[in-house]
Amino acid sequence: MRLRPISALTLTLLIATTACSSSSDETQSGNSSSDGAKLSAEWTPKLETATKAESTICNQVGDQACAEHLTDIALVVTDLKDAVSEAGGADAYPRTAKEIEKIDDAVDAYTDHECLGDENAGIKGSPCPADAYAIMAGGSVLKLTLELDELKNGG
């Protein structure tokens, strides 16, 4: 039972640690939208890779495999958040920024609800399935919001 809080904390720390290191790497490599490039060109493939999984991956939302899949999505979303910020933030990408916020909230909820390792995470009344679904669906929706925001901006 003691592993549950440690595992949830580990998930949170993994997300925060990887987000900090990978976002600085991308900034240094020159991946900036200031050159007129669309974020969707770079981030749609990354989102597709992160969200791609077997349809049954999160049938048991407390399982390690599901948590790893959700973490993969969260890491890409965190890096995308930094890219959106560099590209004008919510003013330039309002739909995308709003969807990122929903996903961040769902990641926090999944962690706060201690879903990872909870054998009851999937039972009726548990918030864990909704948390997991919000992360997975949000990752897929981001591909569309990026394109919609860029169309709105004349791209």
Protein backbone atom coordinates (compact mmCIF):
# COMPACT_ATOMS: atom_id res chain seq x y z
CA MET A 1 0.00 0.00 0.00
CA ARG A 2 2.87 2.40 0.65
CA LEU A 3 3.87 2.22 -3.02
CA ARG A 4 0.75 4.00 -4.19
CA PRO A 5 1.67 7.51 -2.92
CA ILE A 6 5.30 7.01 -3.91
CA SER A 7 4.30 5.92 -7.43
CA ALA A 8 2.00 8.90 -7.89
CA LEU A 9 4.70 11.22 -6.64
CA THR A 10 7.20 9.55 -8.97
CA LEU A 11 4.85 10.18 -11.91
CA THR A 12 4.58 13.85 -11.00
CA LEU A 13 8.33 14.22 -10.56
CA LEU A 14 9.03 12.42 -13.82
CA ILE A 15 6.76 14.81 -15.67
CA ALA A 16 8.29 17.88 -14.05
CA THR A 17 11.90 16.74 -14.46
CA THR A 18 11.57 15.69 -18.08
CA ALA A 19 9.62 18.80 -18.98
CA CYS A 20 12.35 21.07 -17.65
CA SER A 21 15.20 19.29 -19.38
CA SER A 22 13.54 18.65 -22.73
CA SER A 23 12.09 22.13 -23.16
CA SER A 24 15.51 23.74 -22.75
CA ASP A 25 17.00 21.30 -25.26
CA GLU A 26 14.39 22.23 -27.85
CA THR A 27 14.89 25.94 -27.29
CA GLN A 28 18.63 25.56 -27.77
CA SER A 29 18.21 23.55 -30.95
CA GLY A 30 16.39 26.42 -32.62
CA ASN A 31 12.90 24.94 -32.76
CA SER A 32 11.03 28.19 -32.58
CA SER A 33 7.96 29.34 -34.38
CA SER A 34 9.43 32.81 -34.85
CA ASP A 35 10.70 31.70 -38.25
CA GLY A 36 7.10 31.40 -39.46
CA ALA A 37 6.91 27.63 -39.08
CA LYS A 38 3.64 26.23 -37.88
CA LEU A 39 3.64 24.42 -34.57
CA SER A 40 1.30 21.81 -35.99
CA ALA A 41 3.96 20.67 -38.47
CA GLU A 42 6.29 19.74 -35.62
CA TRP A 43 3.84 18.78 -32.89
CA THR A 44 1.18 16.77 -34.72
CA PRO A 45 3.59 13.85 -35.34
CA LYS A 46 4.80 14.02 -31.73
CA LEU A 47 1.23 13.97 -30.44
CA GLU A 48 0.34 11.09 -32.77
CA THR A 49 3.27 9.09 -31.45
CA ALA A 50 2.44 9.83 -27.81
CA THR A 51 -1.27 9.05 -28.16
CA LYS A 52 -0.77 5.91 -30.23
CA ALA A 53 -1.36 2.77 -28.17
CA GLU A 54 -3.36 -0.40 -28.10
CA SER A 55 -7.02 0.37 -27.51
CA THR A 56 -6.91 -1.66 -24.29
CA ILE A 57 -3.87 0.06 -22.77
CA CYS A 58 -5.94 1.82 -20.10
CA ASN A 59 -8.66 -0.76 -19.49
CA GLN A 60 -7.10 -0.93 -16.03
CA VAL A 61 -6.39 2.74 -15.32
CA GLY A 62 -4.33 1.93 -12.25
CA ASP A 63 -1.88 -0.31 -14.11
CA GLN A 64 1.71 0.71 -14.78
CA ALA A 65 1.25 0.38 -18.56
CA CYS A 66 -1.61 2.88 -18.50
CA ALA A 67 0.34 5.26 -16.28
CA GLU A 68 3.33 5.11 -18.62
CA HIS A 69 1.09 5.85 -21.61
CA LEU A 70 -0.48 8.80 -19.79
CA THR A 71 2.99 10.03 -18.82
CA ASP A 72 4.13 9.88 -22.45
CA ILE A 73 1.20 12.08 -23.43
CA ALA A 74 1.78 14.45 -20.51
CA LEU A 75 5.44 14.91 -21.41
CA VAL A 76 4.66 15.87 -25.00
CA VAL A 77 1.90 18.20 -23.82
CA THR A 78 4.29 19.90 -21.39
CA ASP A 79 6.81 20.48 -24.16
CA LEU A 80 4.05 21.72 -26.46
CA LYS A 81 2.96 24.13 -23.74
CA ASP A 82 6.44 25.66 -23.79
CA ALA A 83 6.38 25.88 -27.60
CA VAL A 84 2.96 27.57 -27.54
CA SER A 85 4.25 30.04 -24.97
CA GLU A 86 7.20 30.90 -27.21
CA ALA A 87 4.86 31.26 -30.21
CA GLY A 88 2.59 33.86 -28.64
CA GLY A 89 0.81 31.89 -25.95
CA ALA A 90 -2.96 31.89 -25.55
CA ASP A 91 -3.30 34.97 -27.77
CA ALA A 92 -1.94 33.06 -30.76
CA TYR A 93 -3.20 29.59 -29.75
CA PRO A 94 -6.31 30.07 -27.57
CA ARG A 95 -7.94 26.68 -28.23
CA THR A 96 -4.65 24.86 -27.82
CA ALA A 97 -3.81 26.66 -24.58
CA LYS A 98 -7.25 25.83 -23.18
CA GLU A 99 -6.89 22.14 -24.10
CA ILE A 100 -3.40 22.01 -22.58
CA GLU A 101 -4.83 23.41 -19.36
CA LYS A 102 -7.51 20.68 -19.32
CA ILE A 103 -4.85 18.01 -19.77
CA ASP A 104 -2.67 19.51 -17.04
CA ASP A 105 -5.68 19.47 -14.72
CA ALA A 106 -6.38 15.82 -15.59
CA VAL A 107 -2.74 14.85 -14.93
CA ASP A 108 -2.93 16.57 -11.56
CA ALA A 109 -6.24 14.82 -10.81
CA TYR A 110 -4.87 11.38 -11.79
CA THR A 111 -1.98 11.97 -9.40
CA ASP A 112 -4.11 13.48 -6.62
CA HIS A 113 -6.57 10.59 -6.84
CA GLU A 114 -3.62 8.19 -6.47
CA CYS A 115 -4.84 6.16 -9.45
CA LEU A 116 -1.51 4.48 -10.19
CA GLY A 117 -1.38 1.15 -8.42
CA ASP A 118 -4.94 1.42 -7.09
CA GLU A 119 -6.70 -1.87 -7.71
CA ASN A 120 -10.03 -0.05 -7.33
CA ALA A 121 -9.18 2.69 -9.83
CA GLY A 122 -11.57 1.28 -12.40
CA ILE A 123 -14.59 0.62 -10.23
CA LYS A 124 -17.83 2.54 -10.58
CA GLY A 125 -17.58 5.86 -8.82
CA SER A 126 -13.80 6.15 -9.10
CA PRO A 127 -12.61 9.37 -10.74
CA CYS A 128 -9.59 7.60 -12.26
CA PRO A 129 -11.17 6.48 -15.56
CA ALA A 130 -12.33 10.04 -16.25
CA ASP A 131 -8.86 11.38 -15.42
CA ALA A 132 -7.19 8.90 -17.79
CA TYR A 133 -9.73 9.54 -20.54
CA ALA A 134 -9.25 13.32 -20.27
CA ILE A 135 -5.50 12.91 -20.76
CA MET A 136 -5.84 10.51 -23.70
CA ALA A 137 -8.63 12.38 -25.45
CA GLY A 138 -6.98 15.72 -24.82
CA GLY A 139 -3.78 14.54 -26.46
CA SER A 140 -5.75 13.62 -29.57
CA VAL A 141 -7.78 16.84 -29.56
CA LEU A 142 -4.60 18.94 -29.44
CA LYS A 143 -3.78 17.97 -33.01
CA LEU A 144 -7.02 19.59 -34.13
CA THR A 145 -6.80 22.66 -31.91
CA LEU A 146 -3.31 23.45 -33.20
CA GLU A 147 -4.57 23.39 -36.78
CA LEU A 148 -7.69 25.42 -35.95
CA ASP A 149 -5.65 28.07 -34.15
CA GLU A 150 -3.24 28.30 -37.06
CA LEU A 151 -6.12 28.62 -39.55
CA LYS A 152 -7.54 31.42 -37.41
CA ASN A 153 -4.14 33.12 -37.50
CA GLY A 154 -4.07 33.07 -41.29
CA GLY A 155 -1.91 29.96 -41.65
